[in-house]
């Protein structure tokens, strides 16, 4: 069992930056990801990082967001720069994707990011 706790969300003006953190309760040997869900929209993957450090990004955040991890502290980060109003959403961290389905087994409670124009 793994608990994930996100932090770092908040309100910022367009063009600003935020850094989200996701702390895992146990040693993590899995891939992890950041998802987000905006009001009235489906949850979407924003970025992922494998245990070996391979990263992916959804097209809309490429060049603006950076995912990273500190394995010694069991923390994953999402640095978000040049934020836009369309980045407003609840951001969730997830860990340990099922190798067959890709569905993540563990989820955090979410942290709100609000970007005002």
N, C-alpha and C. Protein backbone atom coordinates (compact mmCIF):
# COMPACT_ATOMS: atom_id res chain seq x y z
N UNK A 1 0.84 -1.17 0.00
CA UNK A 1 0.00 0.00 0.00
C UNK A 1 0.89 1.25 0.00
N UNK A 2 0.52 2.21 -0.82
CA UNK A 2 1.30 3.43 -0.92
C UNK A 2 0.35 4.61 -0.82
N UNK A 3 0.68 5.54 0.03
CA UNK A 3 -0.06 6.79 0.12
C UNK A 3 0.71 7.87 -0.62
N UNK A 4 -0.01 8.70 -1.34
CA UNK A 4 0.58 9.80 -2.08
C UNK A 4 -0.05 11.10 -1.59
N UNK A 5 0.78 12.08 -1.32
CA UNK A 5 0.28 13.37 -0.84
C UNK A 5 0.84 14.48 -1.71
N UNK A 6 -0.05 15.21 -2.38
CA UNK A 6 0.36 16.32 -3.22
C UNK A 6 0.39 17.62 -2.41
N UNK A 7 1.21 18.53 -2.84
CA UNK A 7 1.26 19.87 -2.27
C UNK A 7 1.79 20.83 -3.31
N UNK A 8 1.62 22.11 -3.04
CA UNK A 8 2.19 23.11 -3.93
C UNK A 8 1.19 23.80 -4.83
N UNK A 9 -0.07 23.36 -4.79
CA UNK A 9 -1.06 24.03 -5.61
C UNK A 9 -1.37 25.42 -5.07
N UNK A 10 -2.12 26.18 -5.85
CA UNK A 10 -2.48 27.52 -5.43
C UNK A 10 -3.02 28.33 -6.57
N UNK A 11 -3.11 29.62 -6.35
CA UNK A 11 -3.60 30.54 -7.36
C UNK A 11 -2.47 31.41 -7.87
N UNK A 12 -2.42 31.59 -9.18
CA UNK A 12 -1.35 32.37 -9.78
C UNK A 12 -1.91 33.06 -11.03
N UNK A 13 -1.29 34.14 -11.40
CA UNK A 13 -1.69 34.82 -12.63
C UNK A 13 -1.06 34.14 -13.83
N UNK A 14 -1.70 34.31 -14.95
CA UNK A 14 -1.16 33.76 -16.19
C UNK A 14 0.27 34.24 -16.39
N UNK A 15 1.10 33.31 -16.82
CA UNK A 15 2.52 33.60 -16.99
C UNK A 15 3.36 33.26 -15.77
N UNK A 16 2.69 32.98 -14.66
CA UNK A 16 3.41 32.65 -13.44
C UNK A 16 3.83 31.19 -13.37
N UNK A 17 4.38 30.82 -12.22
CA UNK A 17 4.92 29.47 -12.03
C UNK A 17 4.45 28.88 -10.71
N UNK A 18 4.34 27.57 -10.71
CA UNK A 18 4.10 26.81 -9.49
C UNK A 18 4.90 25.52 -9.57
N UNK A 19 5.23 24.98 -8.41
CA UNK A 19 5.90 23.68 -8.36
C UNK A 19 5.11 22.77 -7.45
N UNK A 20 4.61 21.70 -8.04
CA UNK A 20 3.86 20.71 -7.29
C UNK A 20 4.80 19.62 -6.79
N UNK A 21 4.48 19.09 -5.63
CA UNK A 21 5.23 17.98 -5.07
C UNK A 21 4.29 16.83 -4.76
N UNK A 22 4.80 15.63 -4.86
CA UNK A 22 4.04 14.44 -4.53
C UNK A 22 4.94 13.54 -3.69
N UNK A 23 4.60 13.38 -2.44
CA UNK A 23 5.39 12.56 -1.53
C UNK A 23 4.77 11.19 -1.38
N UNK A 24 5.59 10.18 -1.57
CA UNK A 24 5.13 8.79 -1.42
C UNK A 24 5.48 8.30 -0.02
N UNK A 25 4.59 7.48 0.53
CA UNK A 25 4.76 7.05 1.92
C UNK A 25 5.76 5.91 2.07
N UNK A 26 6.04 5.22 0.96
CA UNK A 26 6.98 4.12 1.00
C UNK A 26 7.95 4.24 -0.16
N UNK A 27 9.02 3.47 -0.10
CA UNK A 27 9.99 3.47 -1.20
C UNK A 27 9.27 3.13 -2.49
N UNK A 28 9.43 3.99 -3.48
CA UNK A 28 8.73 3.80 -4.74
C UNK A 28 9.66 3.23 -5.79
N UNK A 29 9.27 2.10 -6.35
CA UNK A 29 10.06 1.51 -7.42
C UNK A 29 9.25 1.44 -8.71
N UNK A 30 8.24 2.28 -8.78
CA UNK A 30 7.33 2.27 -9.93
C UNK A 30 7.45 3.57 -10.72
N UNK A 31 6.83 3.55 -11.86
CA UNK A 31 6.64 4.78 -12.60
C UNK A 31 5.59 5.64 -11.92
N UNK A 32 5.65 6.94 -12.19
CA UNK A 32 4.71 7.87 -11.59
C UNK A 32 4.24 8.85 -12.65
N UNK A 33 3.16 9.55 -12.32
CA UNK A 33 2.61 10.48 -13.30
C UNK A 33 1.83 11.58 -12.60
N UNK A 34 1.63 12.66 -13.33
CA UNK A 34 0.73 13.74 -12.92
C UNK A 34 -0.46 13.73 -13.88
N UNK A 35 -1.63 13.78 -13.31
CA UNK A 35 -2.86 13.94 -14.06
C UNK A 35 -3.53 15.24 -13.64
N UNK A 36 -4.47 15.70 -14.43
CA UNK A 36 -5.25 16.85 -14.02
C UNK A 36 -6.69 16.68 -14.52
N UNK A 37 -7.59 17.32 -13.81
CA UNK A 37 -8.98 17.30 -14.21
C UNK A 37 -9.58 18.69 -14.02
N UNK A 38 -9.98 19.27 -15.12
CA UNK A 38 -10.62 20.58 -15.10
C UNK A 38 -12.13 20.39 -14.97
N UNK A 39 -12.83 21.39 -14.48
CA UNK A 39 -14.28 21.28 -14.33
C UNK A 39 -14.97 20.91 -15.64
N UNK A 40 -15.78 19.88 -15.59
CA UNK A 40 -16.52 19.46 -16.76
C UNK A 40 -15.72 18.70 -17.79
N UNK A 41 -14.48 18.38 -17.47
CA UNK A 41 -13.64 17.65 -18.41
C UNK A 41 -13.15 16.35 -17.81
N UNK A 42 -12.72 15.45 -18.67
CA UNK A 42 -12.18 14.19 -18.21
C UNK A 42 -10.77 14.38 -17.66
N UNK A 43 -10.38 13.47 -16.78
CA UNK A 43 -9.03 13.50 -16.26
C UNK A 43 -8.05 13.17 -17.38
N UNK A 44 -6.97 13.90 -17.47
CA UNK A 44 -5.97 13.67 -18.50
C UNK A 44 -4.58 13.58 -17.87
N UNK A 45 -3.74 12.77 -18.52
CA UNK A 45 -2.37 12.68 -18.07
C UNK A 45 -1.61 13.91 -18.55
N UNK A 46 -0.90 14.52 -17.65
CA UNK A 46 -0.09 15.69 -17.97
C UNK A 46 1.35 15.27 -18.29
N UNK A 47 1.88 14.42 -17.44
CA UNK A 47 3.28 14.02 -17.59
C UNK A 47 3.50 12.73 -16.82
N UNK A 48 4.49 11.97 -17.26
CA UNK A 48 4.83 10.74 -16.55
C UNK A 48 6.34 10.60 -16.50
N UNK A 49 6.79 9.82 -15.55
CA UNK A 49 8.22 9.53 -15.41
C UNK A 49 8.37 8.09 -14.98
N UNK A 50 9.19 7.36 -15.72
CA UNK A 50 9.41 5.97 -15.38
C UNK A 50 10.40 5.87 -14.23
N UNK A 51 10.55 4.68 -13.68
CA UNK A 51 11.50 4.50 -12.58
C UNK A 51 12.92 4.85 -13.02
N UNK A 52 13.20 4.63 -14.30
CA UNK A 52 14.53 4.93 -14.82
C UNK A 52 14.67 6.38 -15.27
N UNK A 53 13.56 7.13 -15.20
CA UNK A 53 13.65 8.55 -15.51
C UNK A 53 13.17 8.98 -16.88
N UNK A 54 12.64 8.07 -17.65
CA UNK A 54 12.09 8.44 -18.95
C UNK A 54 10.81 9.25 -18.74
N UNK A 55 10.72 10.37 -19.43
CA UNK A 55 9.58 11.27 -19.23
C UNK A 55 8.71 11.40 -20.47
N UNK A 56 7.44 11.71 -20.23
CA UNK A 56 6.51 12.04 -21.31
C UNK A 56 5.70 13.26 -20.88
N UNK A 57 5.24 13.98 -21.87
CA UNK A 57 4.41 15.16 -21.61
C UNK A 57 3.27 15.22 -22.62
N UNK A 58 2.12 15.67 -22.16
CA UNK A 58 1.07 15.95 -23.10
C UNK A 58 1.46 17.19 -23.91
N UNK A 59 1.01 17.26 -25.13
CA UNK A 59 1.48 18.28 -26.05
C UNK A 59 1.32 19.69 -25.51
N UNK A 60 0.23 19.96 -24.83
CA UNK A 60 -0.07 21.33 -24.41
C UNK A 60 0.86 21.87 -23.34
N UNK A 61 1.63 21.01 -22.69
CA UNK A 61 2.52 21.48 -21.63
C UNK A 61 3.99 21.35 -22.00
N UNK A 62 4.27 20.80 -23.15
CA UNK A 62 5.67 20.64 -23.55
C UNK A 62 6.36 21.99 -23.61
N UNK A 63 7.56 22.04 -23.04
CA UNK A 63 8.32 23.28 -23.02
C UNK A 63 7.97 24.19 -21.86
N UNK A 64 6.88 23.87 -21.14
CA UNK A 64 6.47 24.70 -20.00
C UNK A 64 6.55 23.95 -18.67
N UNK A 65 6.25 22.67 -18.69
CA UNK A 65 6.25 21.85 -17.48
C UNK A 65 7.44 20.91 -17.48
N UNK A 66 7.98 20.62 -16.31
CA UNK A 66 9.07 19.68 -16.16
C UNK A 66 8.78 18.74 -15.00
N UNK A 67 8.80 17.46 -15.28
CA UNK A 67 8.60 16.45 -14.23
C UNK A 67 9.96 15.95 -13.77
N UNK A 68 10.07 15.68 -12.49
CA UNK A 68 11.33 15.16 -11.95
C UNK A 68 11.02 14.37 -10.69
N UNK A 69 12.04 13.71 -10.20
CA UNK A 69 11.84 12.94 -8.97
C UNK A 69 13.12 12.91 -8.15
N UNK A 70 12.95 12.86 -6.86
CA UNK A 70 14.05 12.69 -5.92
C UNK A 70 13.83 11.33 -5.26
N UNK A 71 14.54 10.34 -5.76
CA UNK A 71 14.31 8.98 -5.27
C UNK A 71 14.72 8.84 -3.82
N UNK A 72 15.70 9.60 -3.39
CA UNK A 72 16.16 9.47 -2.01
C UNK A 72 15.09 9.94 -1.02
N UNK A 73 14.24 10.88 -1.48
CA UNK A 73 13.19 11.42 -0.63
C UNK A 73 11.81 10.88 -0.99
N UNK A 74 11.74 10.04 -2.02
CA UNK A 74 10.44 9.51 -2.49
C UNK A 74 9.48 10.63 -2.86
N UNK A 75 9.99 11.63 -3.55
CA UNK A 75 9.16 12.77 -3.94
C UNK A 75 9.25 12.98 -5.45
N UNK A 76 8.10 13.24 -6.05
CA UNK A 76 8.03 13.60 -7.46
C UNK A 76 7.59 15.05 -7.54
N UNK A 77 8.11 15.74 -8.54
CA UNK A 77 7.79 17.16 -8.71
C UNK A 77 7.21 17.43 -10.09
N UNK A 78 6.50 18.53 -10.17
CA UNK A 78 6.07 19.06 -11.46
C UNK A 78 6.29 20.56 -11.42
N UNK A 79 7.31 21.02 -12.11
CA UNK A 79 7.58 22.44 -12.24
C UNK A 79 6.74 22.97 -13.38
N UNK A 80 5.90 23.93 -13.09
CA UNK A 80 4.99 24.48 -14.10
C UNK A 80 5.31 25.95 -14.32
N UNK A 81 5.77 26.28 -15.50
CA UNK A 81 6.11 27.65 -15.86
C UNK A 81 5.17 28.17 -16.94
N UNK A 82 5.14 29.48 -17.05
CA UNK A 82 4.31 30.12 -18.08
C UNK A 82 2.89 29.57 -18.07
N UNK A 83 2.31 29.55 -16.90
CA UNK A 83 0.99 28.97 -16.73
C UNK A 83 -0.07 29.75 -17.49
N UNK A 84 -1.05 29.01 -17.98
CA UNK A 84 -2.16 29.58 -18.74
C UNK A 84 -3.47 29.29 -18.02
N UNK A 85 -4.49 30.03 -18.35
CA UNK A 85 -5.78 29.82 -17.71
C UNK A 85 -6.29 28.39 -17.95
N UNK A 86 -5.95 27.84 -19.11
CA UNK A 86 -6.41 26.48 -19.42
C UNK A 86 -5.69 25.41 -18.61
N UNK A 87 -4.68 25.80 -17.83
CA UNK A 87 -4.01 24.84 -16.94
C UNK A 87 -4.77 24.71 -15.61
N UNK A 88 -5.78 25.53 -15.42
CA UNK A 88 -6.57 25.46 -14.20
C UNK A 88 -7.23 24.10 -14.08
N UNK A 89 -6.99 23.42 -12.97
CA UNK A 89 -7.51 22.07 -12.77
C UNK A 89 -7.09 21.58 -11.39
N UNK A 90 -7.65 20.45 -11.01
CA UNK A 90 -7.13 19.71 -9.86
C UNK A 90 -6.06 18.77 -10.39
N UNK A 91 -4.90 18.84 -9.80
CA UNK A 91 -3.78 18.01 -10.24
C UNK A 91 -3.59 16.84 -9.26
N UNK A 92 -3.46 15.67 -9.83
CA UNK A 92 -3.31 14.44 -9.06
C UNK A 92 -2.00 13.76 -9.40
N UNK A 93 -1.34 13.21 -8.41
CA UNK A 93 -0.21 12.35 -8.71
C UNK A 93 -0.66 10.89 -8.61
N UNK A 94 0.02 10.06 -9.36
CA UNK A 94 -0.32 8.65 -9.43
C UNK A 94 0.95 7.83 -9.50
N UNK A 95 0.87 6.60 -9.04
CA UNK A 95 2.05 5.74 -9.04
C UNK A 95 1.68 4.31 -9.41
N UNK A 96 2.67 3.61 -9.96
CA UNK A 96 2.59 2.18 -10.24
C UNK A 96 1.51 1.81 -11.25
N UNK A 97 1.79 2.06 -12.52
CA UNK A 97 0.82 1.66 -13.53
C UNK A 97 0.78 0.15 -13.70
N UNK A 98 -0.42 -0.36 -13.91
CA UNK A 98 -0.58 -1.78 -14.23
C UNK A 98 0.08 -2.04 -15.57
N UNK A 99 0.93 -3.05 -15.62
CA UNK A 99 1.71 -3.27 -16.84
C UNK A 99 0.84 -3.69 -18.02
N UNK A 100 -0.34 -4.19 -17.74
CA UNK A 100 -1.22 -4.62 -18.83
C UNK A 100 -2.18 -3.52 -19.26
N UNK A 101 -2.74 -2.82 -18.29
CA UNK A 101 -3.77 -1.83 -18.62
C UNK A 101 -3.25 -0.40 -18.63
N UNK A 102 -2.14 -0.16 -17.94
CA UNK A 102 -1.63 1.20 -17.83
C UNK A 102 -2.33 2.02 -16.79
N UNK A 103 -3.33 1.45 -16.15
CA UNK A 103 -4.06 2.16 -15.11
C UNK A 103 -3.20 2.21 -13.85
N UNK A 104 -3.10 3.43 -13.27
CA UNK A 104 -2.28 3.59 -12.08
C UNK A 104 -3.00 3.05 -10.84
N UNK A 105 -2.22 2.41 -9.99
CA UNK A 105 -2.80 1.76 -8.82
C UNK A 105 -3.00 2.68 -7.63
N UNK A 106 -2.18 3.70 -7.52
CA UNK A 106 -2.22 4.57 -6.36
C UNK A 106 -2.40 6.02 -6.79
N UNK A 107 -3.23 6.73 -6.04
CA UNK A 107 -3.56 8.11 -6.38
C UNK A 107 -3.51 8.99 -5.13
N UNK A 108 -3.09 10.24 -5.34
CA UNK A 108 -3.18 11.22 -4.29
C UNK A 108 -4.57 11.85 -4.25
N UNK A 109 -4.75 12.76 -3.32
CA UNK A 109 -6.06 13.37 -3.12
C UNK A 109 -6.29 14.58 -4.03
N UNK A 110 -5.23 15.06 -4.64
CA UNK A 110 -5.35 16.18 -5.56
C UNK A 110 -5.02 17.51 -4.92
N UNK A 111 -4.54 18.42 -5.75
CA UNK A 111 -4.24 19.77 -5.31
C UNK A 111 -4.73 20.74 -6.39
N UNK A 112 -5.40 21.79 -5.97
CA UNK A 112 -6.01 22.72 -6.91
C UNK A 112 -4.99 23.71 -7.45
N UNK A 113 -4.99 23.89 -8.74
CA UNK A 113 -4.20 24.93 -9.40
C UNK A 113 -5.17 25.84 -10.14
N UNK A 114 -5.11 27.10 -9.84
CA UNK A 114 -5.99 28.08 -10.47
C UNK A 114 -5.15 29.17 -11.10
N UNK A 115 -5.32 29.36 -12.39
CA UNK A 115 -4.57 30.37 -13.13
C UNK A 115 -5.54 31.41 -13.64
N UNK A 116 -5.33 32.63 -13.23
CA UNK A 116 -6.22 33.71 -13.64
C UNK A 116 -5.59 34.50 -14.78
N UNK A 117 -6.44 34.92 -15.69
CA UNK A 117 -5.96 35.63 -16.88
C UNK A 117 -5.50 37.04 -16.53
